[in-house]
């Protein structure tokens, strides 16, 4: 097992690097373009990705790598462990100068997520989860919602269809990872999206 405390230090470093380019309410200082229609990326995404790949790889070179901003290497399929990364989850909020983005890193072993860290540099929040041991935010253990009724459930969204008007809208960060932390800390009761992306691999495990 790699040094997970070291991994947390690296995640914070990556967040601080991204924060240097972020400007509240403004476009970032780095260049932005579209990887595909409606799918933005910035120079900062790539810089953070490179930092994470280099530094996490230094913790244990026998761990595979799968990142949203790195060309996939099928050699990872032969390895039992894998770093799963979104260097800036919530790029749209990042490039709009909003706070709803984070650095998202997980360690997957034999198909199961065993460790995850998400760092929101703007708000200085660090969420950490270990399989079977729960989740913390800045060291404080979190407790999720105990709601059993669908009606009245809090959901991070910008709008509700008429059929879902019995739900309660709460603030929605662009980062899907951050929306999931809202469920973990009882600020939302459910998360619904058609675009799970990289985070969809994790949502069932931690």
C-alpha atoms as a PDB file:
ATOM      1  CA  UNK A   1       0.000   0.000   0.000  1.00  0.00           C
ATOM      2  CA  UNK A   2       1.425   3.425  -0.899  1.00  0.00           C
ATOM      3  CA  UNK A   3       1.904   6.185   1.662  1.00  0.00           C
ATOM      4  CA  UNK A   4      -1.649   7.535   1.824  1.00  0.00           C
ATOM      5  CA  UNK A   5      -0.673  10.475   4.041  1.00  0.00           C
ATOM      6  CA  UNK A   6       1.827  11.345   1.360  1.00  0.00           C
ATOM      7  CA  UNK A   7      -0.943  11.078  -1.218  1.00  0.00           C
ATOM      8  CA  UNK A   8      -2.999  13.632   0.731  1.00  0.00           C
ATOM      9  CA  UNK A   9      -0.077  16.040   0.737  1.00  0.00           C
ATOM     10  CA  UNK A  10       0.197  15.639  -3.036  1.00  0.00           C
ATOM     11  CA  UNK A  11      -3.542  16.246  -3.522  1.00  0.00           C
ATOM     12  CA  UNK A  12      -3.236  19.489  -1.540  1.00  0.00           C
ATOM     13  CA  UNK A  13      -0.226  20.544  -3.617  1.00  0.00           C
ATOM     14  CA  UNK A  14      -2.214  19.900  -6.789  1.00  0.00           C
ATOM     15  CA  UNK A  15      -5.091  21.997  -5.477  1.00  0.00           C
ATOM     16  CA  UNK A  16      -2.795  24.872  -4.577  1.00  0.00           C
ATOM     17  CA  UNK A  17      -1.283  24.744  -8.071  1.00  0.00           C
ATOM     18  CA  UNK A  18      -4.749  25.009  -9.631  1.00  0.00           C
ATOM     19  CA  UNK A  19      -5.694  27.839  -7.291  1.00  0.00           C
ATOM     20  CA  UNK A  20      -2.883  29.999  -8.682  1.00  0.00           C
ATOM     21  CA  UNK A  21      -4.779  30.176 -12.001  1.00  0.00           C
ATOM     22  CA  UNK A  22      -8.294  30.491 -10.559  1.00  0.00           C
ATOM     23  CA  UNK A  23      -9.862  33.946 -10.322  1.00  0.00           C
ATOM     24  CA  UNK A  24     -13.110  34.497  -8.435  1.00  0.00           C
ATOM     25  CA  UNK A  25     -15.880  35.502 -10.802  1.00  0.00           C
ATOM     26  CA  UNK A  26     -13.478  35.652 -13.747  1.00  0.00           C
ATOM     27  CA  UNK A  27     -11.909  33.448 -16.403  1.00  0.00           C
ATOM     28  CA  UNK A  28      -8.731  31.657 -15.263  1.00  0.00           C
ATOM     29  CA  UNK A  29      -5.303  32.946 -16.205  1.00  0.00           C
ATOM     30  CA  UNK A  30      -4.644  29.747 -18.186  1.00  0.00           C
ATOM     31  CA  UNK A  31      -5.858  28.992 -21.728  1.00  0.00           C
ATOM     32  CA  UNK A  32      -9.160  27.115 -22.156  1.00  0.00           C
ATOM     33  CA  UNK A  33     -10.418  25.059 -25.112  1.00  0.00           C
ATOM     34  CA  UNK A  34     -12.882  22.239 -25.830  1.00  0.00           C
ATOM     35  CA  UNK A  35     -11.722  18.609 -25.999  1.00  0.00           C
ATOM     36  CA  UNK A  36     -15.079  17.882 -27.590  1.00  0.00           C
ATOM     37  CA  UNK A  37     -18.284  19.880 -27.941  1.00  0.00           C
ATOM     38  CA  UNK A  38     -19.379  21.076 -24.509  1.00  0.00           C
ATOM     39  CA  UNK A  39     -16.373  19.447 -22.790  1.00  0.00           C
ATOM     40  CA  UNK A  40     -13.922  22.188 -21.728  1.00  0.00           C
ATOM     41  CA  UNK A  41     -10.358  21.754 -20.530  1.00  0.00           C
ATOM     42  CA  UNK A  42      -7.679  24.244 -19.502  1.00  0.00           C
ATOM     43  CA  UNK A  43      -3.912  24.433 -19.307  1.00  0.00           C
ATOM     44  CA  UNK A  44      -4.333  24.110 -15.559  1.00  0.00           C
ATOM     45  CA  UNK A  45      -6.148  20.757 -15.898  1.00  0.00           C
ATOM     46  CA  UNK A  46      -3.117  19.420 -17.752  1.00  0.00           C
ATOM     47  CA  UNK A  47      -0.595  20.944 -15.326  1.00  0.00           C
ATOM     48  CA  UNK A  48      -2.404  19.452 -12.333  1.00  0.00           C
ATOM     49  CA  UNK A  49      -2.657  16.108 -14.104  1.00  0.00           C
ATOM     50  CA  UNK A  50       1.097  16.096 -14.775  1.00  0.00           C
ATOM     51  CA  UNK A  51       1.885  16.951 -11.140  1.00  0.00           C
ATOM     52  CA  UNK A  52      -0.376  14.198  -9.802  1.00  0.00           C
ATOM     53  CA  UNK A  53       0.954  11.599 -12.234  1.00  0.00           C
ATOM     54  CA  UNK A  54       4.564  12.363 -11.374  1.00  0.00           C
ATOM     55  CA  UNK A  55       4.165  12.672  -7.599  1.00  0.00           C
ATOM     56  CA  UNK A  56       1.691   9.833  -7.023  1.00  0.00           C
ATOM     57  CA  UNK A  57       3.736   7.625  -9.321  1.00  0.00           C
ATOM     58  CA  UNK A  58       6.716   8.327  -7.105  1.00  0.00           C
ATOM     59  CA  UNK A  59       4.919   6.841  -4.098  1.00  0.00           C
ATOM     60  CA  UNK A  60       4.659   3.399  -5.712  1.00  0.00           C
ATOM     61  CA  UNK A  61       5.704   2.859  -9.342  1.00  0.00           C
ATOM     62  CA  UNK A  62       3.767  -0.415  -9.632  1.00  0.00           C
ATOM     63  CA  UNK A  63       0.362   1.307  -9.476  1.00  0.00           C
ATOM     64  CA  UNK A  64      -1.492   1.921 -12.740  1.00  0.00           C
ATOM     65  CA  UNK A  65      -2.871   5.274 -13.880  1.00  0.00           C
ATOM     66  CA  UNK A  66      -6.232   6.319 -15.324  1.00  0.00           C
ATOM     67  CA  UNK A  67      -6.992  10.013 -15.620  1.00  0.00           C
ATOM     68  CA  UNK A  68      -9.493  12.099 -17.519  1.00  0.00           C
ATOM     69  CA  UNK A  69      -6.660  14.177 -18.969  1.00  0.00           C
ATOM     70  CA  UNK A  70      -4.126  11.456 -19.842  1.00  0.00           C
ATOM     71  CA  UNK A  71      -4.188   9.144 -22.862  1.00  0.00           C
ATOM     72  CA  UNK A  72      -5.101   5.700 -21.541  1.00  0.00           C
ATOM     73  CA  UNK A  73      -2.409   3.036 -21.368  1.00  0.00           C
ATOM     74  CA  UNK A  74      -3.890  -0.490 -21.538  1.00  0.00           C
ATOM     75  CA  UNK A  75      -0.914  -1.820 -19.536  1.00  0.00           C
ATOM     76  CA  UNK A  76      -2.823  -0.691 -16.440  1.00  0.00           C
ATOM     77  CA  UNK A  77      -5.230  -3.600 -16.932  1.00  0.00           C
ATOM     78  CA  UNK A  78      -2.541  -6.056 -15.852  1.00  0.00           C
ATOM     79  CA  UNK A  79      -1.929  -4.259 -12.536  1.00  0.00           C
ATOM     80  CA  UNK A  80      -3.895  -4.970  -9.343  1.00  0.00           C
ATOM     81  CA  UNK A  81      -3.899  -1.330  -8.207  1.00  0.00           C
ATOM     82  CA  UNK A  82      -4.798   1.871 -10.012  1.00  0.00           C
ATOM     83  CA  UNK A  83      -4.830   5.605  -9.354  1.00  0.00           C
ATOM     84  CA  UNK A  84      -8.116   6.997 -10.690  1.00  0.00           C
ATOM     85  CA  UNK A  85      -7.921  10.758 -11.158  1.00  0.00           C
ATOM     86  CA  UNK A  86      -9.865  13.789 -12.304  1.00  0.00           C
ATOM     87  CA  UNK A  87      -7.299  16.597 -11.934  1.00  0.00           C
ATOM     88  CA  UNK A  88      -9.997  19.288 -11.862  1.00  0.00           C
ATOM     89  CA  UNK A  89     -13.461  17.878 -11.339  1.00  0.00           C
ATOM     90  CA  UNK A  90     -15.889  20.664 -12.169  1.00  0.00           C
ATOM     91  CA  UNK A  91     -13.854  22.416 -14.858  1.00  0.00           C
ATOM     92  CA  UNK A  92     -16.843  24.560 -15.874  1.00  0.00           C
ATOM     93  CA  UNK A  93     -16.961  26.153 -12.407  1.00  0.00           C
ATOM     94  CA  UNK A  94     -13.169  26.525 -12.451  1.00  0.00           C
ATOM     95  CA  UNK A  95     -13.169  28.465 -15.722  1.00  0.00           C
ATOM     96  CA  UNK A  96     -16.126  30.605 -14.621  1.00  0.00           C
ATOM     97  CA  UNK A  97     -14.397  31.659 -11.417  1.00  0.00           C
ATOM     98  CA  UNK A  98     -16.792  29.715  -9.202  1.00  0.00           C
ATOM     99  CA  UNK A  99     -15.874  27.565  -6.215  1.00  0.00           C
ATOM    100  CA  UNK A 100     -17.600  24.277  -7.206  1.00  0.00           C
ATOM    101  CA  UNK A 101     -14.504  22.350  -8.354  1.00  0.00           C
ATOM    102  CA  UNK A 102     -12.049  20.029  -6.670  1.00  0.00           C
ATOM    103  CA  UNK A 103      -9.091  17.707  -7.136  1.00  0.00           C
ATOM    104  CA  UNK A 104     -10.403  14.120  -7.174  1.00  0.00           C
ATOM    105  CA  UNK A 105      -8.128  11.110  -6.585  1.00  0.00           C
ATOM    106  CA  UNK A 106      -8.912   7.510  -5.691  1.00  0.00           C
ATOM    107  CA  UNK A 107      -6.952   4.302  -5.272  1.00  0.00           C
ATOM    108  CA  UNK A 108      -8.630   1.223  -6.746  1.00  0.00           C
ATOM    109  CA  UNK A 109      -7.469  -2.275  -5.813  1.00  0.00           C
ATOM    110  CA  UNK A 110      -8.733  -5.350  -7.669  1.00  0.00           C
ATOM    111  CA  UNK A 111     -11.716  -3.365  -8.908  1.00  0.00           C
ATOM    112  CA  UNK A 112     -12.692  -1.844  -5.540  1.00  0.00           C
ATOM    113  CA  UNK A 113     -12.074   1.754  -4.471  1.00  0.00           C
ATOM    114  CA  UNK A 114     -10.155   1.518  -1.179  1.00  0.00           C
ATOM    115  CA  UNK A 115      -9.157   5.163  -0.724  1.00  0.00           C
ATOM    116  CA  UNK A 116     -10.406   8.499  -2.033  1.00  0.00           C
ATOM    117  CA  UNK A 117      -9.458  12.125  -1.501  1.00  0.00           C
ATOM    118  CA  UNK A 118     -11.189  15.230  -2.815  1.00  0.00           C
ATOM    119  CA  UNK A 119      -9.757  18.669  -2.163  1.00  0.00           C
ATOM    120  CA  UNK A 120     -11.619  21.939  -2.809  1.00  0.00           C
ATOM    121  CA  UNK A 121      -8.870  24.597  -2.723  1.00  0.00           C
ATOM    122  CA  UNK A 122     -11.191  27.614  -2.724  1.00  0.00           C
ATOM    123  CA  UNK A 123     -12.958  26.531   0.474  1.00  0.00           C
ATOM    124  CA  UNK A 124      -9.965  24.592   1.882  1.00  0.00           C
ATOM    125  CA  UNK A 125     -12.027  21.437   2.363  1.00  0.00           C
ATOM    126  CA  UNK A 126     -10.386  18.023   2.179  1.00  0.00           C
ATOM    127  CA  UNK A 127     -12.639  14.958   2.099  1.00  0.00           C
ATOM    128  CA  UNK A 128     -10.981  11.607   2.784  1.00  0.00           C
ATOM    129  CA  UNK A 129     -12.551   8.143   2.631  1.00  0.00           C
ATOM    130  CA  UNK A 130     -11.143   4.715   3.399  1.00  0.00           C
ATOM    131  CA  UNK A 131     -13.121   1.628   2.460  1.00  0.00           C
ATOM    132  CA  UNK A 132     -15.050   0.394   5.487  1.00  0.00           C
ATOM    133  CA  UNK A 133     -13.931   3.305   7.662  1.00  0.00           C
ATOM    134  CA  UNK A 134     -16.255   6.122   6.613  1.00  0.00           C
ATOM    135  CA  UNK A 135     -15.514   9.623   5.385  1.00  0.00           C
ATOM    136  CA  UNK A 136     -14.065  12.752   6.994  1.00  0.00           C
ATOM    137  CA  UNK A 137     -13.920  16.411   6.002  1.00  0.00           C
ATOM    138  CA  UNK A 138     -10.954  18.318   7.427  1.00  0.00           C
ATOM    139  CA  UNK A 139     -10.608  15.532   9.983  1.00  0.00           C
ATOM    140  CA  UNK A 140     -14.248  15.585  11.140  1.00  0.00           C
ATOM    141  CA  UNK A 141     -16.151  12.337  10.645  1.00  0.00           C
ATOM    142  CA  UNK A 142     -19.209  12.751   8.449  1.00  0.00           C
ATOM    143  CA  UNK A 143     -22.664  11.258   8.838  1.00  0.00           C
ATOM    144  CA  UNK A 144     -24.945  10.961   5.834  1.00  0.00           C
ATOM    145  CA  UNK A 145     -28.675  11.506   5.563  1.00  0.00           C
ATOM    146  CA  UNK A 146     -31.039   9.020   7.181  1.00  0.00           C
ATOM    147  CA  UNK A 147     -34.014  10.083   5.041  1.00  0.00           C
ATOM    148  CA  UNK A 148     -36.082   7.134   3.830  1.00  0.00           C
ATOM    149  CA  UNK A 149     -38.850   9.052   1.993  1.00  0.00           C
ATOM    150  CA  UNK A 150     -38.233  10.226  -1.562  1.00  0.00           C
ATOM    151  CA  UNK A 151     -40.651  13.149  -1.266  1.00  0.00           C
ATOM    152  CA  UNK A 152     -38.885  16.175   0.202  1.00  0.00           C
ATOM    153  CA  UNK A 153     -35.411  14.807  -0.519  1.00  0.00           C
ATOM    154  CA  UNK A 154     -32.730  17.449  -1.072  1.00  0.00           C
ATOM    155  CA  UNK A 155     -31.046  17.228  -4.469  1.00  0.00           C
ATOM    156  CA  UNK A 156     -28.279  19.458  -5.894  1.00  0.00           C
ATOM    157  CA  UNK A 157     -29.777  20.768  -9.129  1.00  0.00           C
ATOM    158  CA  UNK A 158     -30.412  23.929 -11.132  1.00  0.00           C
ATOM    159  CA  UNK A 159     -34.039  23.082 -11.916  1.00  0.00           C
ATOM    160  CA  UNK A 160     -36.672  20.398 -11.340  1.00  0.00           C
ATOM    161  CA  UNK A 161     -39.108  18.961 -13.807  1.00  0.00           C
ATOM    162  CA  UNK A 162     -42.766  19.194 -12.880  1.00  0.00           C
ATOM    163  CA  UNK A 163     -42.889  15.501 -11.964  1.00  0.00           C
ATOM    164  CA  UNK A 164     -40.109  16.067  -9.387  1.00  0.00           C
ATOM    165  CA  UNK A 165     -41.509  19.190  -7.739  1.00  0.00           C
ATOM    166  CA  UNK A 166     -41.874  17.272  -4.461  1.00  0.00           C
ATOM    167  CA  UNK A 167     -38.077  17.348  -4.129  1.00  0.00           C
ATOM    168  CA  UNK A 168     -36.111  20.208  -2.564  1.00  0.00           C
ATOM    169  CA  UNK A 169     -33.462  21.983  -4.637  1.00  0.00           C
ATOM    170  CA  UNK A 170     -30.133  22.797  -2.977  1.00  0.00           C
ATOM    171  CA  UNK A 171     -27.015  24.462  -4.385  1.00  0.00           C
ATOM    172  CA  UNK A 172     -25.315  22.429  -7.122  1.00  0.00           C
ATOM    173  CA  UNK A 173     -21.556  22.665  -7.610  1.00  0.00           C
ATOM    174  CA  UNK A 174     -20.407  21.701 -11.104  1.00  0.00           C
ATOM    175  CA  UNK A 175     -18.189  18.974  -9.625  1.00  0.00           C
ATOM    176  CA  UNK A 176     -20.082  15.674  -9.371  1.00  0.00           C
ATOM    177  CA  UNK A 177     -17.572  14.555  -6.741  1.00  0.00           C
ATOM    178  CA  UNK A 178     -18.481  17.553  -4.577  1.00  0.00           C
ATOM    179  CA  UNK A 179     -22.179  16.784  -5.006  1.00  0.00           C
ATOM    180  CA  UNK A 180     -21.515  13.301  -3.641  1.00  0.00           C
ATOM    181  CA  UNK A 181     -19.772  14.806  -0.611  1.00  0.00           C
ATOM    182  CA  UNK A 182     -22.967  16.763   0.045  1.00  0.00           C
ATOM    183  CA  UNK A 183     -24.753  13.437   0.568  1.00  0.00           C
ATOM    184  CA  UNK A 184     -21.905  12.200   2.782  1.00  0.00           C
ATOM    185  CA  UNK A 185     -22.211  15.226   5.090  1.00  0.00           C
ATOM    186  CA  UNK A 186     -26.041  15.410   5.116  1.00  0.00           C
ATOM    187  CA  UNK A 187     -26.367  18.552   2.988  1.00  0.00           C
ATOM    188  CA  UNK A 188     -28.201  16.569   0.296  1.00  0.00           C
ATOM    189  CA  UNK A 189     -30.151  13.306   0.218  1.00  0.00           C
ATOM    190  CA  UNK A 190     -29.439  12.141  -3.316  1.00  0.00           C
ATOM    191  CA  UNK A 191     -27.398  12.926  -6.402  1.00  0.00           C
ATOM    192  CA  UNK A 192     -28.746  12.379  -9.900  1.00  0.00           C
ATOM    193  CA  UNK A 193     -26.858  12.962 -13.137  1.00  0.00           C
ATOM    194  CA  UNK A 194     -26.620  11.628 -16.655  1.00  0.00           C
ATOM    195  CA  UNK A 195     -22.858  12.316 -16.739  1.00  0.00           C
ATOM    196  CA  UNK A 196     -21.128  10.240 -14.065  1.00  0.00           C
ATOM    197  CA  UNK A 197     -17.825  10.303 -15.947  1.00  0.00           C
ATOM    198  CA  UNK A 198     -14.837   9.050 -13.928  1.00  0.00           C
ATOM    199  CA  UNK A 199     -16.700   9.412 -10.634  1.00  0.00           C
ATOM    200  CA  UNK A 200     -19.300   6.834 -11.621  1.00  0.00           C
ATOM    201  CA  UNK A 201     -16.740   4.108 -10.947  1.00  0.00           C
ATOM    202  CA  UNK A 202     -16.517   5.228  -7.322  1.00  0.00           C
ATOM    203  CA  UNK A 203     -20.082   6.007  -6.334  1.00  0.00           C
ATOM    204  CA  UNK A 204     -20.964   2.420  -5.402  1.00  0.00           C
ATOM    205  CA  UNK A 205     -17.892   1.760  -3.283  1.00  0.00           C
ATOM    206  CA  UNK A 206     -17.071   4.665  -0.965  1.00  0.00           C
END
